[in-house]
Amino acid sequence: MIRFVLVLLITAAVIAGATLLAWQQQWLALPSFFYQTLILLAFSTALIYRYLYRVDKSEYFVQLYLLTMTVKLLAYGVYNVFVVLQDKAGATANVVFFMAVYAIFTVLEISFLYRRISRF
């Protein structure tokens, strides 16, 4: 559990550093909701992983994982609509950044959860 949180924080720091470096080099535009998106995704990924990690009922794991994915996608959809309505000019940069970070954190979450459930 602690290993996942450490890897998640290191990944978030690397993403932040790489994005800020790319912005300084003028390779891409910095999303206006850069920090908010990164914090939201890291925090929610850690919470969901913690919940799924502590589930003792392995026969319901798939259903619980699908439920968390559904809730997460609905909440993230609301967040993205809010971001787009707040900054229409920077909507593309914000949504692309969100999708990239979401994909990275989801791969990280799945790889750690797979290692966990393969031990059952």
C-alpha atoms as a PDB file:
ATOM      1  CA  MET A   1       0.000   0.000   0.000  1.00  0.00           C
ATOM      2  CA  ILE A   2       2.716   2.470   0.965  1.00  0.00           C
ATOM      3  CA  ARG A   3       4.755   1.452  -2.074  1.00  0.00           C
ATOM      4  CA  PHE A   4       1.843   2.379  -4.351  1.00  0.00           C
ATOM      5  CA  VAL A   5       1.420   5.797  -2.740  1.00  0.00           C
ATOM      6  CA  LEU A   6       5.156   6.473  -3.065  1.00  0.00           C
ATOM      7  CA  VAL A   7       5.198   5.426  -6.714  1.00  0.00           C
ATOM      8  CA  LEU A   8       2.071   7.510  -7.327  1.00  0.00           C
ATOM      9  CA  LEU A   9       3.645  10.603  -5.755  1.00  0.00           C
ATOM     10  CA  ILE A  10       6.895  10.097  -7.660  1.00  0.00           C
ATOM     11  CA  THR A  11       4.933   9.677 -10.890  1.00  0.00           C
ATOM     12  CA  ALA A  12       2.956  12.858 -10.162  1.00  0.00           C
ATOM     13  CA  ALA A  13       6.197  14.739  -9.477  1.00  0.00           C
ATOM     14  CA  VAL A  14       7.743  13.462 -12.713  1.00  0.00           C
ATOM     15  CA  ILE A  15       4.626  14.451 -14.674  1.00  0.00           C
ATOM     16  CA  ALA A  16       4.666  17.900 -13.068  1.00  0.00           C
ATOM     17  CA  GLY A  17       8.360  18.365 -13.756  1.00  0.00           C
ATOM     18  CA  ALA A  18       8.159  17.157 -17.345  1.00  0.00           C
ATOM     19  CA  THR A  19       5.124  19.322 -18.065  1.00  0.00           C
ATOM     20  CA  LEU A  20       6.711  22.428 -16.539  1.00  0.00           C
ATOM     21  CA  LEU A  21       9.929  21.763 -18.465  1.00  0.00           C
ATOM     22  CA  ALA A  22       8.009  21.347 -21.723  1.00  0.00           C
ATOM     23  CA  TRP A  23       6.155  24.584 -20.960  1.00  0.00           C
ATOM     24  CA  GLN A  24       9.420  26.450 -20.306  1.00  0.00           C
ATOM     25  CA  GLN A  25      10.810  25.186 -23.593  1.00  0.00           C
ATOM     26  CA  GLN A  26       7.537  26.335 -25.221  1.00  0.00           C
ATOM     27  CA  TRP A  27       6.771  22.854 -26.518  1.00  0.00           C
ATOM     28  CA  LEU A  28       3.257  22.988 -25.118  1.00  0.00           C
ATOM     29  CA  ALA A  29       0.851  25.313 -23.362  1.00  0.00           C
ATOM     30  CA  LEU A  30       0.495  24.900 -19.618  1.00  0.00           C
ATOM     31  CA  PRO A  31      -3.099  23.933 -18.759  1.00  0.00           C
ATOM     32  CA  SER A  32      -4.830  26.502 -16.592  1.00  0.00           C
ATOM     33  CA  PHE A  33      -6.041  23.742 -14.245  1.00  0.00           C
ATOM     34  CA  PHE A  34      -2.630  22.045 -14.159  1.00  0.00           C
ATOM     35  CA  TYR A  35      -2.151  21.727 -10.391  1.00  0.00           C
ATOM     36  CA  GLN A  36      -5.824  21.119  -9.637  1.00  0.00           C
ATOM     37  CA  THR A  37      -6.030  18.282 -12.144  1.00  0.00           C
ATOM     38  CA  LEU A  38      -2.815  16.666 -10.964  1.00  0.00           C
ATOM     39  CA  ILE A  39      -3.855  16.827  -7.296  1.00  0.00           C
ATOM     40  CA  LEU A  40      -7.396  15.586  -7.998  1.00  0.00           C
ATOM     41  CA  LEU A  41      -6.208  12.609 -10.011  1.00  0.00           C
ATOM     42  CA  ALA A  42      -3.440  11.639  -7.595  1.00  0.00           C
ATOM     43  CA  PHE A  43      -5.679  11.964  -4.536  1.00  0.00           C
ATOM     44  CA  SER A  44      -8.648  10.100  -6.021  1.00  0.00           C
ATOM     45  CA  THR A  45      -6.424   7.340  -7.434  1.00  0.00           C
ATOM     46  CA  ALA A  46      -4.830   6.850  -4.012  1.00  0.00           C
ATOM     47  CA  LEU A  47      -8.231   6.739  -2.287  1.00  0.00           C
ATOM     48  CA  ILE A  48      -9.693   4.239  -4.724  1.00  0.00           C
ATOM     49  CA  TYR A  49      -6.592   2.068  -4.580  1.00  0.00           C
ATOM     50  CA  ARG A  50      -6.702   2.118  -0.769  1.00  0.00           C
ATOM     51  CA  TYR A  51     -10.348   1.063  -0.810  1.00  0.00           C
ATOM     52  CA  LEU A  52      -9.791  -1.742  -3.314  1.00  0.00           C
ATOM     53  CA  TYR A  53      -6.611  -2.887  -1.594  1.00  0.00           C
ATOM     54  CA  ARG A  54      -8.431  -3.390   1.699  1.00  0.00           C
ATOM     55  CA  VAL A  55     -11.362  -5.317   0.235  1.00  0.00           C
ATOM     56  CA  ASP A  56     -11.280  -8.800   1.707  1.00  0.00           C
ATOM     57  CA  LYS A  57     -13.960 -10.304  -0.492  1.00  0.00           C
ATOM     58  CA  SER A  58     -12.044 -11.345  -3.563  1.00  0.00           C
ATOM     59  CA  GLU A  59     -15.153 -12.841  -5.217  1.00  0.00           C
ATOM     60  CA  TYR A  60     -16.629  -9.331  -5.474  1.00  0.00           C
ATOM     61  CA  PHE A  61     -13.442  -7.584  -6.518  1.00  0.00           C
ATOM     62  CA  VAL A  62     -14.337  -7.235 -10.197  1.00  0.00           C
ATOM     63  CA  GLN A  63     -17.764  -5.802  -9.405  1.00  0.00           C
ATOM     64  CA  LEU A  64     -16.283  -3.361  -6.893  1.00  0.00           C
ATOM     65  CA  TYR A  65     -13.599  -2.304  -9.342  1.00  0.00           C
ATOM     66  CA  LEU A  66     -16.158  -1.699 -12.083  1.00  0.00           C
ATOM     67  CA  LEU A  67     -18.298   0.286  -9.637  1.00  0.00           C
ATOM     68  CA  THR A  68     -15.361   2.490  -8.655  1.00  0.00           C
ATOM     69  CA  MET A  69     -14.508   3.017 -12.330  1.00  0.00           C
ATOM     70  CA  THR A  70     -18.085   4.086 -13.065  1.00  0.00           C
ATOM     71  CA  VAL A  71     -18.219   6.512 -10.154  1.00  0.00           C
ATOM     72  CA  LYS A  72     -14.770   7.833 -11.032  1.00  0.00           C
ATOM     73  CA  LEU A  73     -15.661   8.412 -14.685  1.00  0.00           C
ATOM     74  CA  LEU A  74     -18.877  10.215 -13.747  1.00  0.00           C
ATOM     75  CA  ALA A  75     -17.076  12.451 -11.253  1.00  0.00           C
ATOM     76  CA  TYR A  76     -14.248  13.132 -13.698  1.00  0.00           C
ATOM     77  CA  GLY A  77     -16.786  13.965 -16.398  1.00  0.00           C
ATOM     78  CA  VAL A  78     -18.376  16.570 -14.116  1.00  0.00           C
ATOM     79  CA  TYR A  79     -14.924  17.967 -13.322  1.00  0.00           C
ATOM     80  CA  ASN A  80     -14.035  18.243 -17.013  1.00  0.00           C
ATOM     81  CA  VAL A  81     -17.312  19.988 -17.826  1.00  0.00           C
ATOM     82  CA  PHE A  82     -16.558  22.468 -15.025  1.00  0.00           C
ATOM     83  CA  VAL A  83     -13.032  23.037 -16.363  1.00  0.00           C
ATOM     84  CA  VAL A  84     -14.267  23.571 -19.920  1.00  0.00           C
ATOM     85  CA  LEU A  85     -16.943  26.023 -18.792  1.00  0.00           C
ATOM     86  CA  GLN A  86     -14.430  27.965 -16.671  1.00  0.00           C
ATOM     87  CA  ASP A  87     -11.741  28.209 -19.366  1.00  0.00           C
ATOM     88  CA  LYS A  88     -13.142  27.750 -22.851  1.00  0.00           C
ATOM     89  CA  ALA A  89      -9.985  29.036 -24.522  1.00  0.00           C
ATOM     90  CA  GLY A  90      -7.758  26.528 -22.717  1.00  0.00           C
ATOM     91  CA  ALA A  91     -10.229  23.653 -22.783  1.00  0.00           C
ATOM     92  CA  THR A  92      -8.180  21.539 -25.177  1.00  0.00           C
ATOM     93  CA  ALA A  93      -4.972  21.792 -23.161  1.00  0.00           C
ATOM     94  CA  ASN A  94      -6.812  21.038 -19.918  1.00  0.00           C
ATOM     95  CA  VAL A  95      -8.706  18.021 -21.243  1.00  0.00           C
ATOM     96  CA  VAL A  96      -5.697  16.542 -23.060  1.00  0.00           C
ATOM     97  CA  PHE A  97      -3.583  16.924 -19.919  1.00  0.00           C
ATOM     98  CA  PHE A  98      -6.360  15.348 -17.845  1.00  0.00           C
ATOM     99  CA  MET A  99      -6.683  12.383 -20.207  1.00  0.00           C
ATOM    100  CA  ALA A 100      -2.920  11.777 -20.325  1.00  0.00           C
ATOM    101  CA  VAL A 101      -2.505  11.873 -16.543  1.00  0.00           C
ATOM    102  CA  TYR A 102      -5.648   9.773 -16.054  1.00  0.00           C
ATOM    103  CA  ALA A 103      -4.270   7.107 -18.399  1.00  0.00           C
ATOM    104  CA  ILE A 104      -0.894   7.037 -16.635  1.00  0.00           C
ATOM    105  CA  PHE A 105      -2.430   6.796 -13.162  1.00  0.00           C
ATOM    106  CA  THR A 106      -4.929   4.141 -14.302  1.00  0.00           C
ATOM    107  CA  VAL A 107      -2.146   1.966 -15.724  1.00  0.00           C
ATOM    108  CA  LEU A 108      -0.260   2.385 -12.463  1.00  0.00           C
ATOM    109  CA  GLU A 109      -3.324   1.506 -10.401  1.00  0.00           C
ATOM    110  CA  ILE A 110      -4.160  -1.556 -12.510  1.00  0.00           C
ATOM    111  CA  SER A 111      -0.611  -2.878 -12.394  1.00  0.00           C
ATOM    112  CA  PHE A 112      -0.475  -2.648  -8.590  1.00  0.00           C
ATOM    113  CA  LEU A 113      -3.971  -4.100  -8.176  1.00  0.00           C
ATOM    114  CA  TYR A 114      -3.155  -6.946 -10.542  1.00  0.00           C
ATOM    115  CA  ARG A 115      -0.144  -7.865  -8.432  1.00  0.00           C
ATOM    116  CA  ARG A 116      -2.394  -7.786  -5.365  1.00  0.00           C
ATOM    117  CA  ILE A 117      -5.240  -9.933  -6.717  1.00  0.00           C
ATOM    118  CA  SER A 118      -2.953 -12.432  -8.439  1.00  0.00           C
ATOM    119  CA  ARG A 119      -1.859 -13.520  -4.935  1.00  0.00           C
ATOM    120  CA  PHE A 120      -5.388 -14.654  -3.959  1.00  0.00           C
END
